[in-house]
C-alpha atoms as a PDB file:
ATOM      1  CA  GLN A   1       0.380   4.679  18.884  1.00  0.00           C
ATOM      2  CA  VAL A   2      -0.688   4.099  15.307  1.00  0.00           C
ATOM      3  CA  GLN A   3      -1.113   0.450  14.440  1.00  0.00           C
ATOM      4  CA  VAL A   4      -0.730  -0.975  10.953  1.00  0.00           C
ATOM      5  CA  VAL A   5      -1.601  -4.633  10.418  1.00  0.00           C
ATOM      6  CA  GLN A   6      -1.265  -6.255   6.990  1.00  0.00           C
ATOM      7  CA  SER A   7      -2.770  -9.352   5.495  1.00  0.00           C
ATOM      8  CA  GLY A   8      -2.963 -10.993   2.045  1.00  0.00           C
ATOM      9  CA  GLY A   9      -0.198 -11.737  -0.405  1.00  0.00           C
ATOM     10  CA  GLY A  10       0.934 -15.086  -1.658  1.00  0.00           C
ATOM     11  CA  SER A  11       2.019 -16.696  -4.962  1.00  0.00           C
ATOM     12  CA  VAL A  12       0.364 -16.543  -8.336  1.00  0.00           C
ATOM     13  CA  GLN A  13       1.139 -17.257 -11.964  1.00  0.00           C
ATOM     14  CA  THR A  14       1.793 -14.474 -14.428  1.00  0.00           C
ATOM     15  CA  GLY A  15      -1.455 -12.748 -15.285  1.00  0.00           C
ATOM     16  CA  GLY A  16      -3.075 -13.659 -12.008  1.00  0.00           C
ATOM     17  CA  SER A  17      -4.537 -11.412  -9.301  1.00  0.00           C
ATOM     18  CA  LEU A  18      -4.058 -10.813  -5.590  1.00  0.00           C
ATOM     19  CA  ARG A  19      -5.493  -8.418  -3.086  1.00  0.00           C
ATOM     20  CA  LEU A  20      -3.551  -7.007  -0.155  1.00  0.00           C
ATOM     21  CA  SER A  21      -5.253  -5.545   2.911  1.00  0.00           C
ATOM     22  CA  CYS A  22      -4.043  -3.385   5.738  1.00  0.00           C
ATOM     23  CA  VAL A  23      -5.881  -2.137   8.841  1.00  0.00           C
ATOM     24  CA  ALA A  24      -4.675   1.175  10.227  1.00  0.00           C
ATOM     25  CA  SER A  25      -5.950   2.330  13.631  1.00  0.00           C
ATOM     26  CA  GLN A  26      -5.205   4.691  16.539  1.00  0.00           C
ATOM     27  CA  PHE A  27      -4.686   7.735  14.332  1.00  0.00           C
ATOM     28  CA  GLU A  28      -7.674   9.797  15.435  1.00  0.00           C
ATOM     29  CA  ARG A  29      -5.512  12.825  16.157  1.00  0.00           C
ATOM     30  CA  MET A  30      -4.170  13.072  12.636  1.00  0.00           C
ATOM     31  CA  ARG A  31      -5.828  15.866  10.752  1.00  0.00           C
ATOM     32  CA  ASP A  32      -4.326  15.264   7.303  1.00  0.00           C
ATOM     33  CA  TYR A  33      -3.320  11.732   6.527  1.00  0.00           C
ATOM     34  CA  CYS A  34      -2.381   9.538   3.602  1.00  0.00           C
ATOM     35  CA  PHE A  35      -1.869   5.854   2.985  1.00  0.00           C
ATOM     36  CA  ALA A  36       0.366   4.052   0.578  1.00  0.00           C
ATOM     37  CA  TRP A  37       1.683   0.744  -0.582  1.00  0.00           C
ATOM     38  CA  PHE A  38       5.391   0.240  -1.191  1.00  0.00           C
ATOM     39  CA  ARG A  39       7.344  -2.782  -2.330  1.00  0.00           C
ATOM     40  CA  GLN A  40      10.918  -3.885  -2.030  1.00  0.00           C
ATOM     41  CA  THR A  41      13.161  -6.637  -3.369  1.00  0.00           C
ATOM     42  CA  PRO A  42      16.535  -7.652  -1.904  1.00  0.00           C
ATOM     43  CA  GLY A  43      19.244  -5.153  -2.648  1.00  0.00           C
ATOM     44  CA  GLN A  44      16.815  -2.575  -4.042  1.00  0.00           C
ATOM     45  CA  GLU A  45      15.357   0.653  -2.693  1.00  0.00           C
ATOM     46  CA  ARG A  46      11.818   0.642  -1.378  1.00  0.00           C
ATOM     47  CA  GLU A  47       9.527   1.669  -4.238  1.00  0.00           C
ATOM     48  CA  GLY A  48       6.208   3.467  -3.983  1.00  0.00           C
ATOM     49  CA  VAL A  49       3.427   1.577  -5.783  1.00  0.00           C
ATOM     50  CA  ALA A  50       0.212   3.443  -4.982  1.00  0.00           C
ATOM     51  CA  SER A  51      -1.045   6.083  -2.537  1.00  0.00           C
ATOM     52  CA  ILE A  52      -4.323   7.662  -1.486  1.00  0.00           C
ATOM     53  CA  ASP A  53      -5.122  10.685   0.629  1.00  0.00           C
ATOM     54  CA  LYS A  54      -8.119  11.356   2.879  1.00  0.00           C
ATOM     55  CA  ARG A  55      -9.972  12.929  -0.065  1.00  0.00           C
ATOM     56  CA  ASN A  56      -9.456   9.682  -2.039  1.00  0.00           C
ATOM     57  CA  ARG A  57      -7.065  11.243  -4.510  1.00  0.00           C
ATOM     58  CA  THR A  58      -4.781   8.514  -5.778  1.00  0.00           C
ATOM     59  CA  ASN A  59      -1.296   8.320  -7.211  1.00  0.00           C
ATOM     60  CA  TYR A  60       0.309   5.312  -8.950  1.00  0.00           C
ATOM     61  CA  LEU A  61       3.719   4.126 -10.074  1.00  0.00           C
ATOM     62  CA  LYS A  62       3.565   4.216 -13.871  1.00  0.00           C
ATOM     63  CA  LEU A  63       4.510   0.555 -14.129  1.00  0.00           C
ATOM     64  CA  VAL A  64       1.352  -0.476 -12.335  1.00  0.00           C
ATOM     65  CA  GLN A  65      -1.147   2.007 -13.711  1.00  0.00           C
ATOM     66  CA  GLY A  66      -4.168   0.225 -15.138  1.00  0.00           C
ATOM     67  CA  ARG A  67      -3.293  -2.982 -13.309  1.00  0.00           C
ATOM     68  CA  PHE A  68      -3.347  -2.007  -9.611  1.00  0.00           C
ATOM     69  CA  THR A  69      -6.099  -0.218  -7.715  1.00  0.00           C
ATOM     70  CA  ILE A  70      -5.778   1.313  -4.284  1.00  0.00           C
ATOM     71  CA  SER A  71      -8.847   1.908  -2.171  1.00  0.00           C
ATOM     72  CA  ARG A  72      -9.905   2.347   1.441  1.00  0.00           C
ATOM     73  CA  ASP A  73     -12.909   1.854   3.748  1.00  0.00           C
ATOM     74  CA  GLY A  74     -13.670   3.334   7.141  1.00  0.00           C
ATOM     75  CA  ASP A  75     -12.504   6.493   8.867  1.00  0.00           C
ATOM     76  CA  LYS A  76      -9.955   7.505  11.448  1.00  0.00           C
ATOM     77  CA  LYS A  77     -12.367   7.072  14.349  1.00  0.00           C
ATOM     78  CA  THR A  78     -13.161   3.423  13.624  1.00  0.00           C
ATOM     79  CA  GLY A  79     -10.025   2.534  11.727  1.00  0.00           C
ATOM     80  CA  VAL A  80      -9.274   2.398   8.019  1.00  0.00           C
ATOM     81  CA  THR A  81      -8.868  -0.711   5.923  1.00  0.00           C
ATOM     82  CA  LEU A  82      -6.577  -0.098   2.972  1.00  0.00           C
ATOM     83  CA  TYR A  83      -6.669  -2.369  -0.072  1.00  0.00           C
ATOM     84  CA  LEU A  84      -4.393  -2.961  -3.031  1.00  0.00           C
ATOM     85  CA  GLN A  85      -6.064  -4.958  -5.808  1.00  0.00           C
ATOM     86  CA  MET A  86      -3.390  -6.259  -8.151  1.00  0.00           C
ATOM     87  CA  ASP A  87      -4.430  -7.646 -11.526  1.00  0.00           C
ATOM     88  CA  ASN A  88      -2.441  -8.988 -14.463  1.00  0.00           C
ATOM     89  CA  LEU A  89       0.540  -9.547 -12.199  1.00  0.00           C
ATOM     90  CA  GLN A  90       3.971  -9.879 -13.777  1.00  0.00           C
ATOM     91  CA  PRO A  91       7.169 -11.396 -12.409  1.00  0.00           C
ATOM     92  CA  GLY A  92       8.584  -7.915 -11.943  1.00  0.00           C
ATOM     93  CA  ASP A  93       5.812  -7.251  -9.379  1.00  0.00           C
ATOM     94  CA  SER A  94       7.310  -9.778  -6.986  1.00  0.00           C
ATOM     95  CA  GLY A  95       8.591  -8.471  -3.709  1.00  0.00           C
ATOM     96  CA  THR A  96       7.695  -7.635  -0.143  1.00  0.00           C
ATOM     97  CA  TYR A  97       4.805  -5.191   0.003  1.00  0.00           C
ATOM     98  CA  TYR A  98       4.447  -2.695   2.843  1.00  0.00           C
ATOM     99  CA  CYS A  99       1.464  -0.612   3.936  1.00  0.00           C
ATOM    100  CA  ALA A 100       2.313   2.826   5.259  1.00  0.00           C
ATOM    101  CA  VAL A 101       0.570   5.752   6.956  1.00  0.00           C
ATOM    102  CA  ALA A 102       1.560   9.418   6.883  1.00  0.00           C
ATOM    103  CA  GLY A 103       0.221  11.706   9.604  1.00  0.00           C
ATOM    104  CA  ARG A 104       1.033  15.070   8.008  1.00  0.00           C
ATOM    105  CA  CYS A 105       0.081  14.684   4.428  1.00  0.00           C
ATOM    106  CA  TRP A 106      -1.709  16.922   1.977  1.00  0.00           C
ATOM    107  CA  THR A 107      -0.741  15.154  -1.213  1.00  0.00           C
ATOM    108  CA  ALA A 108      -0.177  11.404  -1.235  1.00  0.00           C
ATOM    109  CA  ARG A 109       3.299  11.064  -2.735  1.00  0.00           C
ATOM    110  CA  LEU A 110       5.169   7.823  -3.319  1.00  0.00           C
ATOM    111  CA  ILE A 111       8.189   8.806  -1.199  1.00  0.00           C
ATOM    112  CA  PRO A 112       9.035   6.479   1.716  1.00  0.00           C
ATOM    113  CA  GLY A 113      10.296   9.346   3.892  1.00  0.00           C
ATOM    114  CA  ASP A 114       6.818  10.916   3.923  1.00  0.00           C
ATOM    115  CA  TYR A 115       5.391   7.929   5.911  1.00  0.00           C
ATOM    116  CA  GLU A 116       5.970   7.402   9.635  1.00  0.00           C
ATOM    117  CA  PHE A 117       4.090   4.172  10.334  1.00  0.00           C
ATOM    118  CA  TRP A 118       4.636   0.905   8.526  1.00  0.00           C
ATOM    119  CA  GLY A 119       3.253  -2.585   8.411  1.00  0.00           C
ATOM    120  CA  ARG A 120       5.575  -5.590   8.696  1.00  0.00           C
ATOM    121  CA  GLY A 121       5.356  -6.490   5.032  1.00  0.00           C
ATOM    122  CA  THR A 122       3.848  -9.350   3.095  1.00  0.00           C
ATOM    123  CA  GLN A 123       5.406 -11.408   0.326  1.00  0.00           C
ATOM    124  CA  VAL A 124       4.080 -11.410  -3.232  1.00  0.00           C
ATOM    125  CA  THR A 125       5.572 -13.878  -5.662  1.00  0.00           C
ATOM    126  CA  VAL A 126       4.639 -13.976  -9.364  1.00  0.00           C
ATOM    127  CA  ALA A 127       5.835 -17.068 -11.181  1.00  0.00           C
ATOM    128  CA  SER A 128       6.644 -16.856 -14.902  1.00  0.00           C
END
């Protein structure tokens, strides 16, 4: 069973930075896999923020391009640590952020239905 464990998050002032981390493990059998970060606020749909595939090709929500950076370390045998570096944070970036893993993925899209395994979420609050 794939495990996804998140850490990071917190509260910052507008313009500040935060880094989210996520450790994904037990996915050795997956041949083509992708990772992504999503966020959600109450009453809103879950929104894709950034994604990365096993070839390190990335995809970003336009609102965060130039401010957020997704990266990863490790491999499927030892486990992968996924990061989301968030700079110049704005109040609109507030929400619960989720790490996700897709086991059959050739292009890392920002569509929640593509991802089977999810972290529990971590809160990010940006004060104005």
